[in-house]
Amino acid sequence: MDKLERAKYARGLKASGKYNCAQAVVAALYDLTDKGLDELLQITSGFAVGMGTMEATCGALIGANIVLGLIIKNGTIKYSKQLHNRFKELSKDTICKVIKGIDTGVILTECDMCCYNAVIAFFDVIS
């Protein structure tokens, strides 16, 4: 799959209701790592909804960063920063509560699109 196909796949997985945001992203990218899908789904199971509180980083961004950490051998922090910044450009923020518009009533980006954006940002950073 190319970048857009993977992004659409992640979006569809999240929209299906069977995967949380972090899981949808790792499921779209897991074959780039040496880890199995089941293992990555288990690792990312607690990262949904801003780590269950909406107060923390979007799970989709966390999922992309986990895969990034598994494939980048040197300079992961530099790439993580780039991933964060690119995701923020695409999704308008990185904190779940802000993205979902909990305090403002204005949704910046729907959850399934955050998954899409996380995959796009991932490939923008590694290419």
Foldseek 3Di string as FASTA:
>chain_A
DDLQVLLVQLLVVCVVVPAALLLSLCVSPVVLAPDDSVVLRVVLVQPHCQSPPLAHFHNLLVSLLVVLVRNDDPDSVVLNVQLLVQLCVQQVHGRRCVCCCVPNNDHSDDSSNSNSSSSNSSVVSVD
